[in-house]
Structures are given as C-alpha cells and as structure tokens.
PDB file of all heavy atoms in Angstrom:
ATOM      1  N   ALA A   1       0.856  -1.188   0.000  1.00  0.00           N
ATOM      2  CA  ALA A   1       0.007   0.001   0.000  1.00  0.00           C
ATOM      3  C   ALA A   1       0.889   1.231  -0.002  1.00  0.00           C
ATOM      4  O   ALA A   1       2.031   1.184   0.452  1.00  0.00           O
ATOM      5  CB  ALA A   1      -0.907   0.018   1.215  1.00  0.00           C
ATOM      6  N   SER A   2       0.320   2.340  -0.498  1.00  0.00           N
ATOM      7  CA  SER A   2       1.064   3.579  -0.478  1.00  0.00           C
ATOM      8  C   SER A   2       0.091   4.715  -0.234  1.00  0.00           C
ATOM      9  O   SER A   2      -1.121   4.611  -0.467  1.00  0.00           O
ATOM     10  CB  SER A   2       1.807   3.806  -1.785  1.00  0.00           C
ATOM     11  OG  SER A   2       0.913   3.966  -2.871  1.00  0.00           O
ATOM     12  N   ILE A   3       0.643   5.840   0.267  1.00  0.00           N
ATOM     13  CA  ILE A   3      -0.136   7.024   0.513  1.00  0.00           C
ATOM     14  C   ILE A   3       0.689   8.232   0.085  1.00  0.00           C
ATOM     15  O   ILE A   3       1.857   8.358   0.486  1.00  0.00           O
ATOM     16  CB  ILE A   3      -0.598   7.116   1.976  1.00  0.00           C
ATOM     17  CG1 ILE A   3      -1.537   8.306   2.179  1.00  0.00           C
ATOM     18  CG2 ILE A   3       0.547   7.133   2.967  1.00  0.00           C
ATOM     19  CD1 ILE A   3      -2.330   8.271   3.495  1.00  0.00           C
ATOM     20  N   SER A   4       0.111   9.081  -0.720  1.00  0.00           N
ATOM     21  CA  SER A   4       0.827  10.259  -1.201  1.00  0.00           C
ATOM     22  C   SER A   4       0.833  11.365  -0.127  1.00  0.00           C
ATOM     23  O   SER A   4       0.105  11.264   0.867  1.00  0.00           O
ATOM     24  CB  SER A   4       0.205  10.770  -2.481  1.00  0.00           C
ATOM     25  OG  SER A   4      -1.028  11.394  -2.205  1.00  0.00           O
ATOM     26  N   ARG A   5       1.575  12.402  -0.397  1.00  0.00           N
ATOM     27  CA  ARG A   5       1.602  13.524   0.556  1.00  0.00           C
ATOM     28  C   ARG A   5       0.248  14.201   0.616  1.00  0.00           C
ATOM     29  O   ARG A   5      -0.058  14.858   1.615  1.00  0.00           O
ATOM     30  CB  ARG A   5       2.702  14.504   0.183  1.00  0.00           C
ATOM     31  CG  ARG A   5       2.606  15.077  -1.201  1.00  0.00           C
ATOM     32  CD  ARG A   5       3.817  15.894  -1.523  1.00  0.00           C
ATOM     33  NE  ARG A   5       3.759  16.480  -2.844  1.00  0.00           N
ATOM     34  CZ  ARG A   5       4.777  17.148  -3.397  1.00  0.00           C
ATOM     35  NH1 ARG A   5       5.902  17.306  -2.725  1.00  0.00           N
ATOM     36  NH2 ARG A   5       4.646  17.681  -4.607  1.00  0.00           N
ATOM     37  N   SER A   6      -0.568  14.043  -0.419  1.00  0.00           N
ATOM     38  CA  SER A   6      -1.891  14.651  -0.418  1.00  0.00           C
ATOM     39  C   SER A   6      -2.959  13.713   0.141  1.00  0.00           C
ATOM     40  O   SER A   6      -4.113  14.098   0.248  1.00  0.00           O
ATOM     41  CB  SER A   6      -2.294  15.052  -1.835  1.00  0.00           C
ATOM     42  OG  SER A   6      -2.406  13.904  -2.677  1.00  0.00           O
ATOM     43  N   GLY A   7      -2.533  12.479   0.456  1.00  0.00           N
ATOM     44  CA  GLY A   7      -3.481  11.521   1.062  1.00  0.00           C
ATOM     45  C   GLY A   7      -4.083  10.509   0.110  1.00  0.00           C
ATOM     46  O   GLY A   7      -4.884   9.666   0.549  1.00  0.00           O
ATOM     47  N   SER A   8      -3.700  10.550  -1.150  1.00  0.00           N
ATOM     48  CA  SER A   8      -4.212   9.550  -2.082  1.00  0.00           C
ATOM     49  C   SER A   8      -3.581   8.191  -1.755  1.00  0.00           C
ATOM     50  O   SER A   8      -2.413   8.114  -1.420  1.00  0.00           O
ATOM     51  CB  SER A   8      -3.860   9.922  -3.514  1.00  0.00           C
ATOM     52  OG  SER A   8      -4.463  11.143  -3.881  1.00  0.00           O
ATOM     53  N   THR A   9      -4.394   7.144  -1.866  1.00  0.00           N
ATOM     54  CA  THR A   9      -3.933   5.815  -1.465  1.00  0.00           C
ATOM     55  C   THR A   9      -3.972   4.821  -2.616  1.00  0.00           C
ATOM     56  O   THR A   9      -4.740   4.981  -3.589  1.00  0.00           O
ATOM     57  CB  THR A   9      -4.737   5.251  -0.292  1.00  0.00           C
ATOM     58  OG1 THR A   9      -6.138   5.226  -0.688  1.00  0.00           O
ATOM     59  CG2 THR A   9      -4.587   6.123   0.931  1.00  0.00           C
ATOM     60  N   TYR A  10      -3.140   3.804  -2.464  1.00  0.00           N
ATOM     61  CA  TYR A  10      -3.089   2.697  -3.427  1.00  0.00           C
ATOM     62  C   TYR A  10      -2.971   1.409  -2.624  1.00  0.00           C
ATOM     63  O   TYR A  10      -2.281   1.390  -1.602  1.00  0.00           O
ATOM     64  CB  TYR A  10      -1.888   2.800  -4.367  1.00  0.00           C
ATOM     65  CG  TYR A  10      -1.579   1.498  -5.042  1.00  0.00           C
ATOM     66  CD1 TYR A  10      -2.227   1.114  -6.218  1.00  0.00           C
ATOM     67  CD2 TYR A  10      -0.630   0.619  -4.488  1.00  0.00           C
ATOM     68  CE1 TYR A  10      -1.940  -0.104  -6.808  1.00  0.00           C
ATOM     69  CE2 TYR A  10      -0.359  -0.594  -5.090  1.00  0.00           C
ATOM     70  CZ  TYR A  10      -1.014  -0.952  -6.235  1.00  0.00           C
ATOM     71  OH  TYR A  10      -0.753  -2.161  -6.843  1.00  0.00           O
ATOM     72  N   TYR A  11      -3.656   0.354  -3.064  1.00  0.00           N
ATOM     73  CA  TYR A  11      -3.561  -0.950  -2.419  1.00  0.00           C
ATOM     74  C   TYR A  11      -3.342  -2.049  -3.451  1.00  0.00           C
ATOM     75  O   TYR A  11      -3.923  -2.032  -4.528  1.00  0.00           O
ATOM     76  CB  TYR A  11      -4.851  -1.260  -1.652  1.00  0.00           C
ATOM     77  CG  TYR A  11      -5.141  -0.302  -0.527  1.00  0.00           C
ATOM     78  CD1 TYR A  11      -5.971   0.790  -0.712  1.00  0.00           C
ATOM     79  CD2 TYR A  11      -4.548  -0.463   0.730  1.00  0.00           C
ATOM     80  CE1 TYR A  11      -6.212   1.688   0.329  1.00  0.00           C
ATOM     81  CE2 TYR A  11      -4.784   0.405   1.769  1.00  0.00           C
ATOM     82  CZ  TYR A  11      -5.625   1.498   1.548  1.00  0.00           C
ATOM     83  OH  TYR A  11      -5.855   2.387   2.576  1.00  0.00           O
ATOM     84  N   ALA A  12      -2.510  -3.000  -3.088  1.00  0.00           N
ATOM     85  CA  ALA A  12      -2.397  -4.191  -3.888  1.00  0.00           C
ATOM     86  C   ALA A  12      -3.729  -4.951  -3.848  1.00  0.00           C
ATOM     87  O   ALA A  12      -4.423  -4.911  -2.842  1.00  0.00           O
ATOM     88  CB  ALA A  12      -1.270  -5.081  -3.373  1.00  0.00           C
ATOM     89  N   ASP A  13      -4.016  -5.648  -4.916  1.00  0.00           N
ATOM     90  CA  ASP A  13      -5.296  -6.369  -4.988  1.00  0.00           C
ATOM     91  C   ASP A  13      -5.419  -7.380  -3.843  1.00  0.00           C
ATOM     92  O   ASP A  13      -6.535  -7.604  -3.335  1.00  0.00           O
ATOM     93  CB  ASP A  13      -5.401  -7.095  -6.328  1.00  0.00           C
ATOM     94  CG  ASP A  13      -5.682  -6.163  -7.484  1.00  0.00           C
ATOM     95  OD1 ASP A  13      -6.104  -4.991  -7.246  1.00  0.00           O
ATOM     96  OD2 ASP A  13      -5.474  -6.577  -8.648  1.00  0.00           O
ATOM     97  N   SER A  14      -4.322  -7.949  -3.443  1.00  0.00           N
ATOM     98  CA  SER A  14      -4.356  -9.000  -2.417  1.00  0.00           C
ATOM     99  C   SER A  14      -4.766  -8.489  -1.032  1.00  0.00           C
ATOM    100  O   SER A  14      -5.156  -9.256  -0.160  1.00  0.00           O
ATOM    101  CB  SER A  14      -2.994  -9.675  -2.321  1.00  0.00           C
ATOM    102  OG  SER A  14      -1.987  -8.738  -2.019  1.00  0.00           O
ATOM    103  N   VAL A  15      -4.697  -7.162  -0.811  1.00  0.00           N
ATOM    104  CA  VAL A  15      -5.010  -6.621   0.507  1.00  0.00           C
ATOM    105  C   VAL A  15      -6.164  -5.627   0.433  1.00  0.00           C
ATOM    106  O   VAL A  15      -6.624  -5.168   1.498  1.00  0.00           O
ATOM    107  CB  VAL A  15      -3.800  -5.930   1.149  1.00  0.00           C
ATOM    108  CG1 VAL A  15      -2.617  -6.880   1.179  1.00  0.00           C
ATOM    109  CG2 VAL A  15      -3.433  -4.640   0.460  1.00  0.00           C
ATOM    110  N   LYS A  16      -6.670  -5.331  -0.712  1.00  0.00           N
ATOM    111  CA  LYS A  16      -7.739  -4.372  -0.874  1.00  0.00           C
ATOM    112  C   LYS A  16      -8.972  -4.793  -0.062  1.00  0.00           C
ATOM    113  O   LYS A  16      -9.378  -5.947  -0.109  1.00  0.00           O
ATOM    114  CB  LYS A  16      -8.094  -4.223  -2.358  1.00  0.00           C
ATOM    115  CG  LYS A  16      -8.608  -2.879  -2.769  1.00  0.00           C
ATOM    116  CD  LYS A  16      -8.708  -2.775  -4.297  1.00  0.00           C
ATOM    117  CE  LYS A  16      -7.349  -2.616  -4.915  1.00  0.00           C
ATOM    118  NZ  LYS A  16      -7.454  -2.405  -6.384  1.00  0.00           N
ATOM    119  N   GLY A  17      -9.496  -3.867   0.716  1.00  0.00           N
ATOM    120  CA  GLY A  17     -10.661  -4.169   1.516  1.00  0.00           C
ATOM    121  C   GLY A  17     -10.312  -4.707   2.912  1.00  0.00           C
ATOM    122  O   GLY A  17     -11.195  -4.796   3.775  1.00  0.00           O
ATOM    123  N   ARG A  18      -9.042  -5.078   3.117  1.00  0.00           N
ATOM    124  CA  ARG A  18      -8.627  -5.620   4.418  1.00  0.00           C
ATOM    125  C   ARG A  18      -7.624  -4.705   5.110  1.00  0.00           C
ATOM    126  O   ARG A  18      -7.591  -4.643   6.344  1.00  0.00           O
ATOM    127  CB  ARG A  18      -7.993  -7.003   4.233  1.00  0.00           C
ATOM    128  CG  ARG A  18      -8.952  -8.029   3.613  1.00  0.00           C
ATOM    129  CD  ARG A  18      -8.324  -9.430   3.661  1.00  0.00           C
ATOM    130  NE  ARG A  18      -7.112  -9.511   2.883  1.00  0.00           N
ATOM    131  CZ  ARG A  18      -5.938  -9.875   3.384  1.00  0.00           C
ATOM    132  NH1 ARG A  18      -5.811 -10.161   4.665  1.00  0.00           N
ATOM    133  NH2 ARG A  18      -4.846  -9.955   2.583  1.00  0.00           N
ATOM    134  N   PHE A  19      -6.790  -4.049   4.357  1.00  0.00           N
ATOM    135  CA  PHE A  19      -5.732  -3.157   4.901  1.00  0.00           C
ATOM    136  C   PHE A  19      -6.089  -1.726   4.640  1.00  0.00           C
ATOM    137  O   PHE A  19      -6.685  -1.374   3.596  1.00  0.00           O
ATOM    138  CB  PHE A  19      -4.401  -3.470   4.234  1.00  0.00           C
ATOM    139  CG  PHE A  19      -3.774  -4.786   4.607  1.00  0.00           C
ATOM    140  CD1 PHE A  19      -4.468  -5.787   5.271  1.00  0.00           C
ATOM    141  CD2 PHE A  19      -2.446  -5.054   4.249  1.00  0.00           C
ATOM    142  CE1 PHE A  19      -3.904  -6.994   5.587  1.00  0.00           C
ATOM    143  CE2 PHE A  19      -1.830  -6.269   4.557  1.00  0.00           C
ATOM    144  CZ  PHE A  19      -2.592  -7.243   5.223  1.00  0.00           C
ATOM    145  N   THR A  20      -5.676  -0.862   5.559  1.00  0.00           N
ATOM    146  CA  THR A  20      -5.867   0.584   5.408  1.00  0.00           C
ATOM    147  C   THR A  20      -4.593   1.315   5.752  1.00  0.00           C
ATOM    148  O   THR A  20      -4.048   1.110   6.862  1.00  0.00           O
ATOM    149  CB  THR A  20      -6.997   1.104   6.286  1.00  0.00           C
ATOM    150  OG1 THR A  20      -8.209   0.407   6.003  1.00  0.00           O
ATOM    151  CG2 THR A  20      -7.226   2.564   6.059  1.00  0.00           C
ATOM    152  N   ILE A  21      -4.089   2.118   4.838  1.00  0.00           N
ATOM    153  CA  ILE A  21      -2.908   2.921   5.097  1.00  0.00           C
ATOM    154  C   ILE A  21      -3.371   4.345   5.443  1.00  0.00           C
ATOM    155  O   ILE A  21      -4.329   4.875   4.866  1.00  0.00           O
ATOM    156  CB  ILE A  21      -1.970   2.934   3.893  1.00  0.00           C
ATOM    157  CG1 ILE A  21      -0.630   3.596   4.249  1.00  0.00           C
ATOM    158  CG2 ILE A  21      -2.586   3.596   2.680  1.00  0.00           C
ATOM    159  CD1 ILE A  21       0.448   3.422   3.169  1.00  0.00           C
ATOM    160  N   SER A  22      -2.709   4.950   6.426  1.00  0.00           N
ATOM    161  CA  SER A  22      -3.044   6.305   6.811  1.00  0.00           C
ATOM    162  C   SER A  22      -1.766   6.985   7.324  1.00  0.00           C
ATOM    163  O   SER A  22      -0.739   6.313   7.539  1.00  0.00           O
ATOM    164  CB  SER A  22      -4.121   6.300   7.908  1.00  0.00           C
ATOM    165  OG  SER A  22      -3.664   5.638   9.077  1.00  0.00           O
ATOM    166  N   ARG A  23      -1.857   8.287   7.506  1.00  0.00           N
ATOM    167  CA  ARG A  23      -0.688   9.011   7.979  1.00  0.00           C
ATOM    168  C   ARG A  23      -1.122  10.113   8.942  1.00  0.00           C
ATOM    169  O   ARG A  23      -2.245  10.630   8.849  1.00  0.00           O
ATOM    170  CB  ARG A  23       0.077   9.611   6.795  1.00  0.00           C
ATOM    171  CG  ARG A  23      -0.663  10.689   6.008  1.00  0.00           C
ATOM    172  CD  ARG A  23       0.094  11.006   4.727  1.00  0.00           C
ATOM    173  NE  ARG A  23       1.417  11.586   5.010  1.00  0.00           N
ATOM    174  CZ  ARG A  23       2.408  11.585   4.129  1.00  0.00           C
ATOM    175  NH1 ARG A  23       2.265  11.050   2.930  1.00  0.00           N
ATOM    176  NH2 ARG A  23       3.578  12.115   4.464  1.00  0.00           N
ATOM    177  N   ASP A  24      -0.236  10.410   9.856  1.00  0.00           N
ATOM    178  CA  ASP A  24      -0.420  11.506  10.807  1.00  0.00           C
ATOM    179  C   ASP A  24       0.810  12.402  10.692  1.00  0.00           C
ATOM    180  O   ASP A  24       1.871  12.100  11.248  1.00  0.00           O
ATOM    181  CB  ASP A  24      -0.577  10.960  12.224  1.00  0.00           C
ATOM    182  CG  ASP A  24      -0.914  12.046  13.233  1.00  0.00           C
ATOM    183  OD1 ASP A  24      -0.615  13.237  12.986  1.00  0.00           O
ATOM    184  OD2 ASP A  24      -1.473  11.719  14.304  1.00  0.00           O
ATOM    185  N   ASN A  25       0.678  13.505   9.969  1.00  0.00           N
ATOM    186  CA  ASN A  25       1.840  14.358   9.725  1.00  0.00           C
ATOM    187  C   ASN A  25       2.325  15.020  11.002  1.00  0.00           C
ATOM    188  O   ASN A  25       3.506  15.325  11.112  1.00  0.00           O
ATOM    189  CB  ASN A  25       1.504  15.394   8.666  1.00  0.00           C
ATOM    190  CG  ASN A  25       1.333  14.806   7.274  1.00  0.00           C
ATOM    191  OD1 ASN A  25       1.821  13.699   6.992  1.00  0.00           O
ATOM    192  ND2 ASN A  25       0.646  15.516   6.413  1.00  0.00           N
ATOM    193  N   ALA A  26       1.446  15.222  11.951  1.00  0.00           N
ATOM    194  CA  ALA A  26       1.862  15.835  13.220  1.00  0.00           C
ATOM    195  C   ALA A  26       2.776  14.919  14.024  1.00  0.00           C
ATOM    196  O   ALA A  26       3.607  15.399  14.805  1.00  0.00           O
ATOM    197  CB  ALA A  26       0.638  16.210  14.043  1.00  0.00           C
ATOM    198  N   LYS A  27       2.629  13.627  13.789  1.00  0.00           N
ATOM    199  CA  LYS A  27       3.439  12.630  14.496  1.00  0.00           C
ATOM    200  C   LYS A  27       4.537  12.031  13.612  1.00  0.00           C
ATOM    201  O   LYS A  27       5.239  11.120  14.028  1.00  0.00           O
ATOM    202  CB  LYS A  27       2.563  11.524  15.062  1.00  0.00           C
ATOM    203  CG  LYS A  27       1.589  11.984  16.119  1.00  0.00           C
ATOM    204  CD  LYS A  27       0.780  10.838  16.685  1.00  0.00           C
ATOM    205  CE  LYS A  27      -0.171  11.310  17.776  1.00  0.00           C
ATOM    206  NZ  LYS A  27      -0.984  10.210  18.344  1.00  0.00           N
ATOM    207  N   ASN A  28       4.641  12.501  12.357  1.00  0.00           N
ATOM    208  CA  ASN A  28       5.628  11.932  11.428  1.00  0.00           C
ATOM    209  C   ASN A  28       5.513  10.431  11.334  1.00  0.00           C
ATOM    210  O   ASN A  28       6.504   9.714  11.314  1.00  0.00           O
ATOM    211  CB  ASN A  28       7.053  12.285  11.885  1.00  0.00           C
ATOM    212  CG  ASN A  28       7.441  13.717  11.532  1.00  0.00           C
ATOM    213  OD1 ASN A  28       6.623  14.517  11.153  1.00  0.00           O
ATOM    214  ND2 ASN A  28       8.722  14.033  11.681  1.00  0.00           N
ATOM    215  N   THR A  29       4.280   9.959  11.252  1.00  0.00           N
ATOM    216  CA  THR A  29       4.037   8.516  11.307  1.00  0.00           C
ATOM    217  C   THR A  29       3.054   8.084  10.230  1.00  0.00           C
ATOM    218  O   THR A  29       2.055   8.757   9.990  1.00  0.00           O
ATOM    219  CB  THR A  29       3.513   8.094  12.691  1.00  0.00           C
ATOM    220  OG1 THR A  29       4.481   8.482  13.694  1.00  0.00           O
ATOM    221  CG2 THR A  29       3.294   6.595  12.772  1.00  0.00           C
ATOM    222  N   VAL A  30       3.358   6.941   9.628  1.00  0.00           N
ATOM    223  CA  VAL A  30       2.421   6.295   8.719  1.00  0.00           C
ATOM    224  C   VAL A  30       2.007   4.944   9.333  1.00  0.00           C
ATOM    225  O   VAL A  30       2.828   4.299   9.973  1.00  0.00           O
ATOM    226  CB  VAL A  30       3.031   6.121   7.305  1.00  0.00           C
ATOM    227  CG1 VAL A  30       4.287   5.237   7.360  1.00  0.00           C
ATOM    228  CG2 VAL A  30       2.030   5.571   6.335  1.00  0.00           C
TER     229      VAL A  30
END
C-alpha cells in the first residue's frame, strides 16, 4: 500500500478491503 503527501492511497489487490494505510503528519508517522 502507499499514501501520497496529499493523502491519495493505493492498495495491492491482495489486501484491498482488508488493509488501510493512513498518515499523521503531526506525529511523522504512517
């Protein structure tokens, strides 16, 4: 999975619907 600086996300087909990527810029954490 990936997440852009603007928040757009991508998921591999094998994990779509099961995994969620997110980011917290205040905590420098994905």
